[in-house]
C-alpha atoms as a PDB file:
ATOM      1  CA  MET A   1     -45.403  19.521  30.194  1.00  0.00           C
ATOM      2  CA  ASP A   2     -44.584  15.845  30.609  1.00  0.00           C
ATOM      3  CA  ASP A   3     -44.402  15.535  26.837  1.00  0.00           C
ATOM      4  CA  LEU A   4     -41.512  18.013  26.673  1.00  0.00           C
ATOM      5  CA  THR A   5     -39.454  16.248  29.365  1.00  0.00           C
ATOM      6  CA  GLN A   6     -39.951  12.849  27.732  1.00  0.00           C
ATOM      7  CA  SER A   7     -39.168  14.081  24.224  1.00  0.00           C
ATOM      8  CA  LYS A   8     -35.710  15.431  25.197  1.00  0.00           C
ATOM      9  CA  PRO A   9     -34.251  12.012  26.121  1.00  0.00           C
ATOM     10  CA  GLN A  10     -35.789  10.458  23.001  1.00  0.00           C
ATOM     11  CA  ALA A  11     -34.348  13.208  20.824  1.00  0.00           C
ATOM     12  CA  LEU A  12     -30.958  12.800  22.479  1.00  0.00           C
ATOM     13  CA  ARG A  13     -31.124   9.036  21.979  1.00  0.00           C
ATOM     14  CA  SER A  14     -32.048   9.516  18.308  1.00  0.00           C
ATOM     15  CA  VAL A  15     -29.137  11.886  17.766  1.00  0.00           C
ATOM     16  CA  ALA A  16     -26.753   9.448  19.482  1.00  0.00           C
ATOM     17  CA  ILE A  17     -27.961   6.535  17.328  1.00  0.00           C
ATOM     18  CA  LEU A  18     -27.651   8.643  14.172  1.00  0.00           C
ATOM     19  CA  ALA A  19     -24.116   9.743  15.116  1.00  0.00           C
ATOM     20  CA  ALA A  20     -23.091   6.159  15.868  1.00  0.00           C
ATOM     21  CA  ALA A  21     -24.526   4.959  12.543  1.00  0.00           C
ATOM     22  CA  LEU A  22     -22.643   7.655  10.629  1.00  0.00           C
ATOM     23  CA  GLY A  23     -19.450   6.731  12.488  1.00  0.00           C
ATOM     24  CA  PHE A  24     -19.862   3.055  11.582  1.00  0.00           C
ATOM     25  CA  VAL A  25     -20.467   3.975   7.935  1.00  0.00           C
ATOM     26  CA  ALA A  26     -17.334   6.148   7.895  1.00  0.00           C
ATOM     27  CA  VAL A  27     -15.184   3.426   9.460  1.00  0.00           C
ATOM     28  CA  GLY A  28     -16.598   0.828   7.065  1.00  0.00           C
ATOM     29  CA  ALA A  29     -15.943   3.042   4.050  1.00  0.00           C
ATOM     30  CA  PHE A  30     -12.360   3.601   5.187  1.00  0.00           C
ATOM     31  CA  ALA A  31     -11.831  -0.151   5.644  1.00  0.00           C
ATOM     32  CA  ILE A  32     -13.280  -0.950   2.223  1.00  0.00           C
ATOM     33  CA  GLY A  33     -11.086   1.721   0.644  1.00  0.00           C
ATOM     34  CA  ALA A  34      -7.998   0.305   2.343  1.00  0.00           C
ATOM     35  CA  LEU A  35      -8.820  -3.197   1.111  1.00  0.00           C
ATOM     36  CA  ALA A  36      -9.564  -1.968  -2.402  1.00  0.00           C
ATOM     37  CA  ILE A  37      -6.023  -0.585  -2.844  1.00  0.00           C
ATOM     38  CA  ARG A  38      -4.217  -3.525  -4.401  1.00  0.00           C
ATOM     39  CA  ARG A  39      -1.472  -1.664  -6.182  1.00  0.00           C
ATOM     40  CA  LEU A  40       0.249   1.498  -5.043  1.00  0.00           C
ATOM     41  CA  ALA A  41       2.000   3.448  -7.769  1.00  0.00           C
ATOM     42  CA  ILE A  42       5.110   5.254  -6.614  1.00  0.00           C
ATOM     43  CA  GLY A  43       6.357   7.920  -8.971  1.00  0.00           C
ATOM     44  CA  ARG A  44       9.821   8.522  -7.555  1.00  0.00           C
ATOM     45  CA  VAL A  45      11.856   7.210  -4.638  1.00  0.00           C
ATOM     46  CA  VAL A  46      15.153   8.762  -3.635  1.00  0.00           C
ATOM     47  CA  VAL A  47      17.367   6.789  -1.250  1.00  0.00           C
ATOM     48  CA  ASP A  48      20.662   8.310  -0.201  1.00  0.00           C
ATOM     49  CA  SER A  49      22.024   5.187   1.448  1.00  0.00           C
ATOM     50  CA  ALA A  50      20.552   1.753   2.090  1.00  0.00           C
ATOM     51  CA  LYS A  51      21.788  -1.656   3.149  1.00  0.00           C
ATOM     52  CA  LEU A  52      19.526  -4.630   2.439  1.00  0.00           C
ATOM     53  CA  LYS A  53      20.118  -8.232   3.383  1.00  0.00           C
ATOM     54  CA  SER A  54      17.544  -9.601   0.955  1.00  0.00           C
ATOM     55  CA  LEU A  55      15.363  -8.145  -1.791  1.00  0.00           C
ATOM     56  CA  GLU A  56      13.058  -9.887  -4.254  1.00  0.00           C
ATOM     57  CA  ILE A  57      11.428  -8.057  -7.178  1.00  0.00           C
ATOM     58  CA  GLU A  58       9.217  -9.821  -9.683  1.00  0.00           C
ATOM     59  CA  HIS A  59       9.423  -7.246 -12.521  1.00  0.00           C
ATOM     60  CA  LEU A  60      11.995  -4.462 -12.627  1.00  0.00           C
ATOM     61  CA  THR A  61      12.868  -1.972 -15.350  1.00  0.00           C
ATOM     62  CA  VAL A  62      16.091  -0.026 -14.866  1.00  0.00           C
ATOM     63  CA  THR A  63      17.270   2.833 -17.063  1.00  0.00           C
ATOM     64  CA  ARG A  64      20.737   3.170 -15.539  1.00  0.00           C
ATOM     65  CA  LEU A  65      22.417   0.953 -12.930  1.00  0.00           C
ATOM     66  CA  ARG A  66      25.746   1.544 -11.227  1.00  0.00           C
ATOM     67  CA  ALA A  67      27.032  -1.122  -8.841  1.00  0.00           C
ATOM     68  CA  SER A  68      30.393  -2.028  -7.388  1.00  0.00           C
ATOM     69  CA  GLU A  69      29.550  -5.704  -6.869  1.00  0.00           C
ATOM     70  CA  ILE A  70      26.690  -7.905  -8.110  1.00  0.00           C
ATOM     71  CA  THR A  71      26.160 -11.548  -7.136  1.00  0.00           C
ATOM     72  CA  VAL A  72      23.859 -13.625  -9.355  1.00  0.00           C
ATOM     73  CA  ILE A  73      22.560 -16.931  -8.015  1.00  0.00           C
ATOM     74  CA  ASP A  74      20.713 -18.507 -10.983  1.00  0.00           C
ATOM     75  CA  ALA A  75      21.051 -16.548 -14.235  1.00  0.00           C
ATOM     76  CA  LEU A  76      21.193 -12.988 -15.418  1.00  0.00           C
ATOM     77  CA  LYS A  77      19.420 -12.246 -18.699  1.00  0.00           C
ATOM     78  CA  LEU A  78      20.571  -9.238 -20.682  1.00  0.00           C
ATOM     79  CA  PRO A  79      19.218  -7.930 -23.979  1.00  0.00           C
ATOM     80  CA  GLY A  80      21.371  -8.763 -27.032  1.00  0.00           C
ATOM     81  CA  GLY A  81      24.733 -10.558 -27.174  1.00  0.00           C
ATOM     82  CA  ASN A  82      25.371 -14.113 -25.870  1.00  0.00           C
ATOM     83  CA  ASN A  83      21.767 -15.084 -26.543  1.00  0.00           C
ATOM     84  CA  GLY A  84      20.730 -12.469 -24.007  1.00  0.00           C
ATOM     85  CA  SER A  85      21.899 -14.372 -20.940  1.00  0.00           C
ATOM     86  CA  LEU A  86      24.952 -14.856 -18.760  1.00  0.00           C
ATOM     87  CA  ALA A  87      25.581 -17.904 -16.599  1.00  0.00           C
ATOM     88  CA  ALA A  88      26.010 -17.420 -12.876  1.00  0.00           C
ATOM     89  CA  SER A  89      29.506 -17.931 -11.494  1.00  0.00           C
END
C-alpha cells in the first residue's frame, strides 16, 4: 500500500519534468526559427497614404514611379541618355 502512495508523487514529478522539458524545447525551437529568418520576402504592399521623414533603401527596382517632387542629394543614375546619370541640383 505504501508503494502506491509513494509512486503517485514520483509519477506526478516525472510528468511535470517531462512537460517542462517539452516546453523548453518548444521555446528554443521558436527562438532558433526567429533567429534563422534573415530575409523576409514581401510579395505586395499597398499603402494608401504615407508620410516619411527619412527612408534608405540599398537596392530598389521600380516598374512605374509617379512623384510630384523629388530631391536628390548626391546623384541620380538613370538607364540610357546622359551617360545614365544626372547631377544633383
